[in-house]
Amino acid sequence: MSKVQTREGAPEASWTFLTNHSHVLLCLVKNPEARMRDVAESVGITERAVQRIVSELEAAGYVTRRREGRRNTYEVDGTLPLRHPVEGHQTLNALIKLVLEDAP
């Protein structure tokens, strides 16, 4: 996990605003052919945790896994609503746009 910039004198935060589920999903949006090992390294969690999260996202309809040879390709359905009541009025596409639109 990269260092978080904080106000001068404030302790560095050990938490983030987005969940591991959203981090995994955003990694798959950026690279639909990503290996679970690479996603795990990017997010800072175990490969097994990534596999569990992808399975949960797939079961909920947010991700579709397609086998191509020896690799998987992932397609994200950005038209679905976010899951929490606080942000449920927004779609996944809104989150993707917010986080990734100007990403390097």
PDB file of N, CA and C in Angstrom:
ATOM      1  N   MET A   1       0.850  -1.165   0.000  1.00  0.00           N
ATOM      2  CA  MET A   1       0.000   0.000   0.000  1.00  0.00           C
ATOM      3  C   MET A   1       0.901   1.234   0.000  1.00  0.00           C
ATOM      4  N   SER A   2       0.572   2.219  -0.791  1.00  0.00           N
ATOM      5  CA  SER A   2       1.410   3.410  -0.863  1.00  0.00           C
ATOM      6  C   SER A   2       1.162   4.300   0.352  1.00  0.00           C
ATOM      7  N   LYS A   3       2.128   5.176   0.609  1.00  0.00           N
ATOM      8  CA  LYS A   3       2.007   6.083   1.739  1.00  0.00           C
ATOM      9  C   LYS A   3       0.902   7.088   1.489  1.00  0.00           C
ATOM     10  N   VAL A   4       0.207   7.449   2.545  1.00  0.00           N
ATOM     11  CA  VAL A   4      -0.892   8.399   2.465  1.00  0.00           C
ATOM     12  C   VAL A   4      -0.386   9.758   2.918  1.00  0.00           C
ATOM     13  N   GLN A   5      -0.660  10.772   2.116  1.00  0.00           N
ATOM     14  CA  GLN A   5      -0.276  12.122   2.502  1.00  0.00           C
ATOM     15  C   GLN A   5      -1.262  12.630   3.547  1.00  0.00           C
ATOM     16  N   THR A   6      -0.744  13.150   4.645  1.00  0.00           N
ATOM     17  CA  THR A   6      -1.615  13.676   5.689  1.00  0.00           C
ATOM     18  C   THR A   6      -1.224  15.111   5.985  1.00  0.00           C
ATOM     19  N   ARG A   7      -2.080  15.784   6.747  1.00  0.00           N
ATOM     20  CA  ARG A   7      -1.752  17.142   7.175  1.00  0.00           C
ATOM     21  C   ARG A   7      -0.507  17.100   8.036  1.00  0.00           C
ATOM     22  N   GLU A   8       0.237  18.161   8.016  1.00  0.00           N
ATOM     23  CA  GLU A   8       1.461  18.231   8.808  1.00  0.00           C
ATOM     24  C   GLU A   8       1.139  18.006  10.282  1.00  0.00           C
ATOM     25  N   GLY A   9       1.879  17.100  10.894  1.00  0.00           N
ATOM     26  CA  GLY A   9       1.688  16.798  12.305  1.00  0.00           C
ATOM     27  C   GLY A   9       0.659  15.712  12.576  1.00  0.00           C
ATOM     28  N   ALA A  10      -0.155  15.369  11.586  1.00  0.00           N
ATOM     29  CA  ALA A  10      -1.159  14.331  11.779  1.00  0.00           C
ATOM     30  C   ALA A  10      -0.522  12.961  11.543  1.00  0.00           C
ATOM     31  N   PRO A  11      -0.910  11.953  12.316  1.00  0.00           N
ATOM     32  CA  PRO A  11      -0.346  10.620  12.104  1.00  0.00           C
ATOM     33  C   PRO A  11      -0.792  10.063  10.750  1.00  0.00           C
ATOM     34  N   GLU A  12       0.042   9.214  10.162  1.00  0.00           N
ATOM     35  CA  GLU A  12      -0.303   8.588   8.890  1.00  0.00           C
ATOM     36  C   GLU A  12      -1.467   7.627   9.111  1.00  0.00           C
ATOM     37  N   ALA A  13      -2.468   7.712   8.260  1.00  0.00           N
ATOM     38  CA  ALA A  13      -3.656   6.873   8.382  1.00  0.00           C
ATOM     39  C   ALA A  13      -3.341   5.442   7.966  1.00  0.00           C
ATOM     40  N   SER A  14      -3.892   4.478   8.687  1.00  0.00           N
ATOM     41  CA  SER A  14      -3.715   3.073   8.333  1.00  0.00           C
ATOM     42  C   SER A  14      -4.969   2.527   7.656  1.00  0.00           C
ATOM     43  N   TRP A  15      -5.916   3.400   7.346  1.00  0.00           N
ATOM     44  CA  TRP A  15      -7.155   2.987   6.707  1.00  0.00           C
ATOM     45  C   TRP A  15      -7.315   3.752   5.402  1.00  0.00           C
ATOM     46  N   THR A  16      -8.241   3.288   4.567  1.00  0.00           N
ATOM     47  CA  THR A  16      -8.529   3.970   3.306  1.00  0.00           C
ATOM     48  C   THR A  16     -10.036   4.169   3.196  1.00  0.00           C
ATOM     49  N   PHE A  17     -10.454   4.998   2.248  1.00  0.00           N
ATOM     50  CA  PHE A  17     -11.881   5.258   2.066  1.00  0.00           C
ATOM     51  C   PHE A  17     -12.579   4.170   1.263  1.00  0.00           C
ATOM     52  N   LEU A  18     -11.846   3.413   0.475  1.00  0.00           N
ATOM     53  CA  LEU A  18     -12.447   2.359  -0.333  1.00  0.00           C
ATOM     54  C   LEU A  18     -12.096   0.994   0.237  1.00  0.00           C
ATOM     55  N   THR A  19     -12.948   0.021  -0.010  1.00  0.00           N
ATOM     56  CA  THR A  19     -12.745  -1.336   0.503  1.00  0.00           C
ATOM     57  C   THR A  19     -11.842  -2.138  -0.428  1.00  0.00           C
ATOM     58  N   ASN A  20     -11.400  -3.289   0.047  1.00  0.00           N
ATOM     59  CA  ASN A  20     -10.626  -4.190  -0.806  1.00  0.00           C
ATOM     60  C   ASN A  20     -11.449  -4.641  -2.010  1.00  0.00           C
ATOM     61  N   HIS A  21     -12.761  -4.774  -1.838  1.00  0.00           N
ATOM     62  CA  HIS A  21     -13.613  -5.140  -2.968  1.00  0.00           C
ATOM     63  C   HIS A  21     -13.517  -4.088  -4.077  1.00  0.00           C
ATOM     64  N   SER A  22     -13.594  -2.831  -3.699  1.00  0.00           N
ATOM     65  CA  SER A  22     -13.505  -1.782  -4.721  1.00  0.00           C
ATOM     66  C   SER A  22     -12.101  -1.715  -5.314  1.00  0.00           C
ATOM     67  N   HIS A  23     -11.083  -1.929  -4.516  1.00  0.00           N
ATOM     68  CA  HIS A  23      -9.709  -1.926  -5.040  1.00  0.00           C
ATOM     69  C   HIS A  23      -9.514  -3.048  -6.064  1.00  0.00           C
ATOM     70  N   VAL A  24      -9.995  -4.247  -5.744  1.00  0.00           N
ATOM     71  CA  VAL A  24      -9.881  -5.373  -6.677  1.00  0.00           C
ATOM     72  C   VAL A  24     -10.648  -5.064  -7.949  1.00  0.00           C
ATOM     73  N   LEU A  25     -11.866  -4.574  -7.804  1.00  0.00           N
ATOM     74  CA  LEU A  25     -12.686  -4.272  -8.969  1.00  0.00           C
ATOM     75  C   LEU A  25     -12.023  -3.218  -9.861  1.00  0.00           C
ATOM     76  N   LEU A  26     -11.477  -2.186  -9.271  1.00  0.00           N
ATOM     77  CA  LEU A  26     -10.801  -1.139 -10.045  1.00  0.00           C
ATOM     78  C   LEU A  26      -9.568  -1.686 -10.757  1.00  0.00           C
ATOM     79  N   CYS A  27      -8.858  -2.605 -10.126  1.00  0.00           N
ATOM     80  CA  CYS A  27      -7.714  -3.247 -10.788  1.00  0.00           C
ATOM     81  C   CYS A  27      -8.174  -4.012 -12.020  1.00  0.00           C
ATOM     82  N   LEU A  28      -9.318  -4.695 -11.923  1.00  0.00           N
ATOM     83  CA  LEU A  28      -9.832  -5.460 -13.054  1.00  0.00           C
ATOM     84  C   LEU A  28     -10.348  -4.552 -14.165  1.00  0.00           C
ATOM     85  N   VAL A  29     -10.852  -3.382 -13.804  1.00  0.00           N
ATOM     86  CA  VAL A  29     -11.262  -2.411 -14.820  1.00  0.00           C
ATOM     87  C   VAL A  29     -10.036  -1.929 -15.587  1.00  0.00           C
ATOM     88  N   LYS A  30      -8.972  -1.626 -14.845  1.00  0.00           N
ATOM     89  CA  LYS A  30      -7.740  -1.147 -15.480  1.00  0.00           C
ATOM     90  C   LYS A  30      -7.073  -2.217 -16.329  1.00  0.00           C
ATOM     91  N   ASN A  31      -7.147  -3.468 -15.880  1.00  0.00           N
ATOM     92  CA  ASN A  31      -6.487  -4.559 -16.603  1.00  0.00           C
ATOM     93  C   ASN A  31      -7.363  -5.810 -16.538  1.00  0.00           C
ATOM     94  N   PRO A  32      -8.273  -5.981 -17.514  1.00  0.00           N
ATOM     95  CA  PRO A  32      -9.200  -7.112 -17.488  1.00  0.00           C
ATOM     96  C   PRO A  32      -8.525  -8.483 -17.574  1.00  0.00           C
ATOM     97  N   GLU A  33      -7.274  -8.526 -17.957  1.00  0.00           N
ATOM     98  CA  GLU A  33      -6.554  -9.795 -18.054  1.00  0.00           C
ATOM     99  C   GLU A  33      -5.569  -9.993 -16.898  1.00  0.00           C
ATOM    100  N   ALA A  34      -5.716  -9.203 -15.855  1.00  0.00           N
ATOM    101  CA  ALA A  34      -4.790  -9.261 -14.727  1.00  0.00           C
ATOM    102  C   ALA A  34      -4.812 -10.628 -14.061  1.00  0.00           C
ATOM    103  N   ARG A  35      -3.639 -11.074 -13.621  1.00  0.00           N
ATOM    104  CA  ARG A  35      -3.543 -12.298 -12.826  1.00  0.00           C
ATOM    105  C   ARG A  35      -3.879 -11.951 -11.385  1.00  0.00           C
ATOM    106  N   MET A  36      -4.459 -12.903 -10.691  1.00  0.00           N
ATOM    107  CA  MET A  36      -4.828 -12.679  -9.293  1.00  0.00           C
ATOM    108  C   MET A  36      -3.610 -12.296  -8.460  1.00  0.00           C
ATOM    109  N   ARG A  37      -2.459 -12.864  -8.791  1.00  0.00           N
ATOM    110  CA  ARG A  37      -1.213 -12.545  -8.092  1.00  0.00           C
ATOM    111  C   ARG A  37      -0.888 -11.057  -8.232  1.00  0.00           C
ATOM    112  N   ASP A  38      -1.076 -10.514  -9.447  1.00  0.00           N
ATOM    113  CA  ASP A  38      -0.771  -9.105  -9.685  1.00  0.00           C
ATOM    114  C   ASP A  38      -1.768  -8.185  -8.979  1.00  0.00           C
ATOM    115  N   VAL A  39      -3.034  -8.582  -8.976  1.00  0.00           N
ATOM    116  CA  VAL A  39      -4.051  -7.798  -8.275  1.00  0.00           C
ATOM    117  C   VAL A  39      -3.749  -7.799  -6.777  1.00  0.00           C
ATOM    118  N   ALA A  40      -3.394  -8.958  -6.243  1.00  0.00           N
ATOM    119  CA  ALA A  40      -3.076  -9.066  -4.815  1.00  0.00           C
ATOM    120  C   ALA A  40      -1.926  -8.136  -4.441  1.00  0.00           C
ATOM    121  N   GLU A  41      -0.910  -8.098  -5.275  1.00  0.00           N
ATOM    122  CA  GLU A  41       0.232  -7.228  -5.010  1.00  0.00           C
ATOM    123  C   GLU A  41      -0.171  -5.761  -5.060  1.00  0.00           C
ATOM    124  N   SER A  42      -0.996  -5.389  -6.036  1.00  0.00           N
ATOM    125  CA  SER A  42      -1.440  -3.995  -6.166  1.00  0.00           C
ATOM    126  C   SER A  42      -2.281  -3.551  -4.978  1.00  0.00           C
ATOM    127  N   VAL A  43      -3.176  -4.434  -4.522  1.00  0.00           N
ATOM    128  CA  VAL A  43      -4.097  -4.088  -3.441  1.00  0.00           C
ATOM    129  C   VAL A  43      -3.434  -4.220  -2.072  1.00  0.00           C
ATOM    130  N   GLY A  44      -2.468  -5.136  -1.967  1.00  0.00           N
ATOM    131  CA  GLY A  44      -1.801  -5.343  -0.687  1.00  0.00           C
ATOM    132  C   GLY A  44      -2.482  -6.389   0.168  1.00  0.00           C
ATOM    133  N   ILE A  45      -3.098  -7.383  -0.496  1.00  0.00           N
ATOM    134  CA  ILE A  45      -3.753  -8.475   0.208  1.00  0.00           C
ATOM    135  C   ILE A  45      -3.262  -9.790  -0.405  1.00  0.00           C
ATOM    136  N   THR A  46      -3.686 -10.909   0.168  1.00  0.00           N
ATOM    137  CA  THR A  46      -3.231 -12.204  -0.337  1.00  0.00           C
ATOM    138  C   THR A  46      -3.953 -12.563  -1.632  1.00  0.00           C
ATOM    139  N   GLU A  47      -3.339 -13.447  -2.392  1.00  0.00           N
ATOM    140  CA  GLU A  47      -3.953 -13.931  -3.626  1.00  0.00           C
ATOM    141  C   GLU A  47      -5.263 -14.655  -3.310  1.00  0.00           C
ATOM    142  N   ARG A  48      -5.285 -15.392  -2.225  1.00  0.00           N
ATOM    143  CA  ARG A  48      -6.505 -16.102  -1.810  1.00  0.00           C
ATOM    144  C   ARG A  48      -7.632 -15.110  -1.515  1.00  0.00           C
ATOM    145  N   ALA A  49      -7.309 -13.996  -0.874  1.00  0.00           N
ATOM    146  CA  ALA A  49      -8.318 -12.969  -0.586  1.00  0.00           C
ATOM    147  C   ALA A  49      -8.867 -12.378  -1.887  1.00  0.00           C
ATOM    148  N   VAL A  50      -8.000 -12.170  -2.861  1.00  0.00           N
ATOM    149  CA  VAL A  50      -8.442 -11.657  -4.168  1.00  0.00           C
ATOM    150  C   VAL A  50      -9.382 -12.660  -4.818  1.00  0.00           C
ATOM    151  N   GLN A  51      -9.032 -13.936  -4.778  1.00  0.00           N
ATOM    152  CA  GLN A  51      -9.890 -14.967  -5.371  1.00  0.00           C
ATOM    153  C   GLN A  51     -11.274 -14.966  -4.726  1.00  0.00           C
ATOM    154  N   ARG A  52     -11.315 -14.825  -3.406  1.00  0.00           N
ATOM    155  CA  ARG A  52     -12.592 -14.787  -2.690  1.00  0.00           C
ATOM    156  C   ARG A  52     -13.401 -13.563  -3.098  1.00  0.00           C
ATOM    157  N   ILE A  53     -12.738 -12.406  -3.172  1.00  0.00           N
ATOM    158  CA  ILE A  53     -13.421 -11.164  -3.549  1.00  0.00           C
ATOM    159  C   ILE A  53     -13.959 -11.256  -4.976  1.00  0.00           C
ATOM    160  N   VAL A  54     -13.149 -11.768  -5.899  1.00  0.00           N
ATOM    161  CA  VAL A  54     -13.602 -11.906  -7.292  1.00  0.00           C
ATOM    162  C   VAL A  54     -14.802 -12.851  -7.354  1.00  0.00           C
ATOM    163  N   SER A  55     -14.784 -13.918  -6.594  1.00  0.00           N
ATOM    164  CA  SER A  55     -15.927 -14.842  -6.561  1.00  0.00           C
ATOM    165  C   SER A  55     -17.180 -14.149  -6.039  1.00  0.00           C
ATOM    166  N   GLU A  56     -17.030 -13.333  -5.010  1.00  0.00           N
ATOM    167  CA  GLU A  56     -18.171 -12.592  -4.465  1.00  0.00           C
ATOM    168  C   GLU A  56     -18.690 -11.565  -5.468  1.00  0.00           C
ATOM    169  N   LEU A  57     -17.779 -10.860  -6.132  1.00  0.00           N
ATOM    170  CA  LEU A  57     -18.183  -9.878  -7.149  1.00  0.00           C
ATOM    171  C   LEU A  57     -18.878 -10.578  -8.321  1.00  0.00           C
ATOM    172  N   GLU A  58     -18.388 -11.741  -8.667  1.00  0.00           N
ATOM    173  CA  GLU A  58     -18.986 -12.522  -9.751  1.00  0.00           C
ATOM    174  C   GLU A  58     -20.387 -13.004  -9.348  1.00  0.00           C
ATOM    175  N   ALA A  59     -20.530 -13.510  -8.132  1.00  0.00           N
ATOM    176  CA  ALA A  59     -21.829 -14.002  -7.652  1.00  0.00           C
ATOM    177  C   ALA A  59     -22.864 -12.880  -7.606  1.00  0.00           C
ATOM    178  N   ALA A  60     -22.415 -11.657  -7.337  1.00  0.00           N
ATOM    179  CA  ALA A  60     -23.320 -10.506  -7.265  1.00  0.00           C
ATOM    180  C   ALA A  60     -23.589  -9.885  -8.637  1.00  0.00           C
ATOM    181  N   GLY A  61     -22.909 -10.369  -9.672  1.00  0.00           N
ATOM    182  CA  GLY A  61     -23.145  -9.869 -11.021  1.00  0.00           C
ATOM    183  C   GLY A  61     -22.295  -8.693 -11.445  1.00  0.00           C
ATOM    184  N   TYR A  62     -21.394  -8.248 -10.580  1.00  0.00           N
ATOM    185  CA  TYR A  62     -20.550  -7.092 -10.906  1.00  0.00           C
ATOM    186  C   TYR A  62     -19.405  -7.466 -11.847  1.00  0.00           C
ATOM    187  N   VAL A  63     -18.996  -8.724 -11.821  1.00  0.00           N
ATOM    188  CA  VAL A  63     -17.876  -9.186 -12.644  1.00  0.00           C
ATOM    189  C   VAL A  63     -18.297 -10.470 -13.359  1.00  0.00           C
ATOM    190  N   THR A  64     -17.897 -10.570 -14.616  1.00  0.00           N
ATOM    191  CA  THR A  64     -18.062 -11.799 -15.382  1.00  0.00           C
ATOM    192  C   THR A  64     -16.678 -12.300 -15.741  1.00  0.00           C
ATOM    193  N   ARG A  65     -16.423 -13.555 -15.435  1.00  0.00           N
ATOM    194  CA  ARG A  65     -15.126 -14.183 -15.719  1.00  0.00           C
ATOM    195  C   ARG A  65     -15.266 -15.022 -16.983  1.00  0.00           C
ATOM    196  N   ARG A  66     -14.349 -14.823 -17.925  1.00  0.00           N
ATOM    197  CA  ARG A  66     -14.364 -15.593 -19.168  1.00  0.00           C
ATOM    198  C   ARG A  66     -12.999 -16.247 -19.341  1.00  0.00           C
ATOM    199  N   ARG A  67     -13.006 -17.528 -19.556  1.00  0.00           N
ATOM    200  CA  ARG A  67     -11.769 -18.288 -19.735  1.00  0.00           C
ATOM    201  C   ARG A  67     -11.302 -18.144 -21.175  1.00  0.00           C
ATOM    202  N   GLU A  68     -10.044 -17.746 -21.376  1.00  0.00           N
ATOM    203  CA  GLU A  68      -9.451 -17.634 -22.711  1.00  0.00           C
ATOM    204  C   GLU A  68      -8.116 -18.361 -22.686  1.00  0.00           C
ATOM    205  N   GLY A  69      -8.130 -19.605 -23.169  1.00  0.00           N
ATOM    206  CA  GLY A  69      -6.915 -20.417 -23.090  1.00  0.00           C
ATOM    207  C   GLY A  69      -6.611 -20.739 -21.646  1.00  0.00           C
ATOM    208  N   ARG A  70      -5.421 -20.377 -21.223  1.00  0.00           N
ATOM    209  CA  ARG A  70      -5.018 -20.629 -19.833  1.00  0.00           C
ATOM    210  C   ARG A  70      -5.274 -19.438 -18.925  1.00  0.00           C
ATOM    211  N   ARG A  71      -5.789 -18.360 -19.479  1.00  0.00           N
ATOM    212  CA  ARG A  71      -5.998 -17.117 -18.712  1.00  0.00           C
ATOM    213  C   ARG A  71      -7.483 -16.811 -18.557  1.00  0.00           C
ATOM    214  N   ASN A  72      -7.784 -15.980 -17.599  1.00  0.00           N
ATOM    215  CA  ASN A  72      -9.134 -15.455 -17.415  1.00  0.00           C
ATOM    216  C   ASN A  72      -9.152 -13.998 -17.861  1.00  0.00           C
ATOM    217  N   THR A  73     -10.284 -13.595 -18.397  1.00  0.00           N
ATOM    218  CA  THR A  73     -10.530 -12.190 -18.701  1.00  0.00           C
ATOM    219  C   THR A  73     -11.759 -11.794 -17.903  1.00  0.00           C
ATOM    220  N   TYR A  74     -11.723 -10.599 -17.339  1.00  0.00           N
ATOM    221  CA  TYR A  74     -12.803 -10.145 -16.470  1.00  0.00           C
ATOM    222  C   TYR A  74     -13.498  -8.946 -17.095  1.00  0.00           C
ATOM    223  N   GLU A  75     -14.820  -8.984 -17.070  1.00  0.00           N
ATOM    224  CA  GLU A  75     -15.624  -7.872 -17.557  1.00  0.00           C
ATOM    225  C   GLU A  75     -16.438  -7.342 -16.389  1.00  0.00           C
ATOM    226  N   VAL A  76     -16.400  -6.029 -16.196  1.00  0.00           N
ATOM    227  CA  VAL A  76     -17.095  -5.393 -15.083  1.00  0.00           C
ATOM    228  C   VAL A  76     -18.371  -4.739 -15.608  1.00  0.00           C
ATOM    229  N   ASP A  77     -19.482  -4.975 -14.935  1.00  0.00           N
ATOM    230  CA  ASP A  77     -20.757  -4.346 -15.296  1.00  0.00           C
ATOM    231  C   ASP A  77     -20.911  -3.066 -14.487  1.00  0.00           C
ATOM    232  N   GLY A  78     -20.524  -1.967 -15.084  1.00  0.00           N
ATOM    233  CA  GLY A  78     -20.560  -0.672 -14.402  1.00  0.00           C
ATOM    234  C   GLY A  78     -21.936  -0.067 -14.277  1.00  0.00           C
ATOM    235  N   THR A  79     -22.953  -0.696 -14.877  1.00  0.00           N
ATOM    236  CA  THR A  79     -24.301  -0.134 -14.818  1.00  0.00           C
ATOM    237  C   THR A  79     -25.024  -0.479 -13.526  1.00  0.00           C
ATOM    238  N   LEU A  80     -24.462  -1.412 -12.760  1.00  0.00           N
ATOM    239  CA  LEU A  80     -25.111  -1.825 -11.508  1.00  0.00           C
ATOM    240  C   LEU A  80     -24.924  -0.767 -10.430  1.00  0.00           C
ATOM    241  N   PRO A  81     -25.885  -0.685  -9.496  1.00  0.00           N
ATOM    242  CA  PRO A  81     -25.764   0.314  -8.416  1.00  0.00           C
ATOM    243  C   PRO A  81     -24.721  -0.106  -7.394  1.00  0.00           C
ATOM    244  N   LEU A  82     -24.158   0.877  -6.701  1.00  0.00           N
ATOM    245  CA  LEU A  82     -23.284   0.588  -5.567  1.00  0.00           C
ATOM    246  C   LEU A  82     -24.147  -0.048  -4.478  1.00  0.00           C
ATOM    247  N   ARG A  83     -23.539  -0.813  -3.594  1.00  0.00           N
ATOM    248  CA  ARG A  83     -24.309  -1.698  -2.714  1.00  0.00           C
ATOM    249  C   ARG A  83     -24.774  -1.104  -1.393  1.00  0.00           C
ATOM    250  N   HIS A  84     -24.127  -0.095  -0.903  1.00  0.00           N
ATOM    251  CA  HIS A  84     -24.507   0.461   0.401  1.00  0.00           C
ATOM    252  C   HIS A  84     -25.624   1.492   0.222  1.00  0.00           C
ATOM    253  N   PRO A  85     -26.570   1.568   1.148  1.00  0.00           N
ATOM    254  CA  PRO A  85     -27.664   2.540   1.010  1.00  0.00           C
ATOM    255  C   PRO A  85     -27.203   3.994   0.871  1.00  0.00           C
ATOM    256  N   VAL A  86     -26.073   4.331   1.465  1.00  0.00           N
ATOM    257  CA  VAL A  86     -25.585   5.707   1.383  1.00  0.00           C
ATOM    258  C   VAL A  86     -25.217   6.092  -0.050  1.00  0.00           C
ATOM    259  N   GLU A  87     -24.629   5.132  -0.811  1.00  0.00           N
ATOM    260  CA  GLU A  87     -24.225   5.458  -2.177  1.00  0.00           C
ATOM    261  C   GLU A  87     -25.025   4.685  -3.225  1.00  0.00           C
ATOM    262  N   GLY A  88     -26.077   3.993  -2.815  1.00  0.00           N
ATOM    263  CA  GLY A  88     -26.862   3.155  -3.708  1.00  0.00           C
ATOM    264  C   GLY A  88     -27.526   3.882  -4.855  1.00  0.00           C
ATOM    265  N   HIS A  89     -27.609   5.198  -4.776  1.00  0.00           N
ATOM    266  CA  HIS A  89     -28.196   5.983  -5.872  1.00  0.00           C
ATOM    267  C   HIS A  89     -27.204   6.179  -7.022  1.00  0.00           C
ATOM    268  N   GLN A  90     -25.958   5.750  -6.838  1.00  0.00           N
ATOM    269  CA  GLN A  90     -24.922   5.869  -7.866  1.00  0.00           C
ATOM    270  C   GLN A  90     -24.609   4.495  -8.456  1.00  0.00           C
ATOM    271  N   THR A  91     -24.130   4.497  -9.693  1.00  0.00           N
ATOM    272  CA  THR A  91     -23.718   3.243 -10.318  1.00  0.00           C
ATOM    273  C   THR A  91     -22.219   3.025 -10.120  1.00  0.00           C
ATOM    274  N   LEU A  92     -21.814   1.821 -10.401  1.00  0.00           N
ATOM    275  CA  LEU A  92     -20.397   1.483 -10.349  1.00  0.00           C
ATOM    276  C   LEU A  92     -19.606   2.348 -11.328  1.00  0.00           C
ATOM    277  N   ASN A  93     -20.210   2.684 -12.472  1.00  0.00           N
ATOM    278  CA  ASN A  93     -19.529   3.549 -13.440  1.00  0.00           C
ATOM    279  C   ASN A  93     -19.151   4.901 -12.834  1.00  0.00           C
ATOM    280  N   ALA A  94     -19.975   5.431 -11.948  1.00  0.00           N
ATOM    281  CA  ALA A  94     -19.660   6.711 -11.299  1.00  0.00           C
ATOM    282  C   ALA A  94     -18.398   6.583 -10.452  1.00  0.00           C
ATOM    283  N   LEU A  95     -18.274   5.476  -9.735  1.00  0.00           N
ATOM    284  CA  LEU A  95     -17.076   5.236  -8.926  1.00  0.00           C
ATOM    285  C   LEU A  95     -15.853   5.068  -9.813  1.00  0.00           C
ATOM    286  N   ILE A  96     -16.003   4.286 -10.873  1.00  0.00           N
ATOM    287  CA  ILE A  96     -14.889   4.051 -11.798  1.00  0.00           C
ATOM    288  C   ILE A  96     -14.430   5.373 -12.401  1.00  0.00           C
ATOM    289  N   LYS A  97     -15.364   6.181 -12.827  1.00  0.00           N
ATOM    290  CA  LYS A  97     -15.027   7.480 -13.419  1.00  0.00           C
ATOM    291  C   LYS A  97     -14.321   8.374 -12.398  1.00  0.00           C
ATOM    292  N   LEU A  98     -14.837   8.406 -11.182  1.00  0.00           N
ATOM    293  CA  LEU A  98     -14.253   9.238 -10.130  1.00  0.00           C
ATOM    294  C   LEU A  98     -12.806   8.847  -9.846  1.00  0.00           C
ATOM    295  N   VAL A  99     -12.558   7.562  -9.747  1.00  0.00           N
ATOM    296  CA  VAL A  99     -11.240   7.094  -9.324  1.00  0.00           C
ATOM    297  C   VAL A  99     -10.258   6.985 -10.487  1.00  0.00           C
ATOM    298  N   LEU A 100     -10.714   6.520 -11.632  1.00  0.00           N
ATOM    299  CA  LEU A 100      -9.779   6.191 -12.719  1.00  0.00           C
ATOM    300  C   LEU A 100      -9.725   7.199 -13.859  1.00  0.00           C
ATOM    301  N   GLU A 101     -10.649   8.140 -13.913  1.00  0.00           N
ATOM    302  CA  GLU A 101     -10.725   9.027 -15.075  1.00  0.00           C
ATOM    303  C   GLU A 101      -9.402   9.725 -15.381  1.00  0.00           C
ATOM    304  N   ASP A 102      -8.766  10.297 -14.392  1.00  0.00           N
ATOM    305  CA  ASP A 102      -7.520  11.029 -14.624  1.00  0.00           C
ATOM    306  C   ASP A 102      -6.302  10.278 -14.114  1.00  0.00           C
ATOM    307  N   ALA A 103      -6.445   8.970 -13.920  1.00  0.00           N
ATOM    308  CA  ALA A 103      -5.328   8.171 -13.406  1.00  0.00           C
ATOM    309  C   ALA A 103      -4.222   8.081 -14.447  1.00  0.00           C
ATOM    310  N   PRO A 104      -2.964   8.087 -13.985  1.00  0.00           N
ATOM    311  CA  PRO A 104      -1.848   7.979 -14.941  1.00  0.00           C
ATOM    312  C   PRO A 104      -1.803   6.617 -15.594  1.00  0.00           C
TER     313      PRO A 104
END
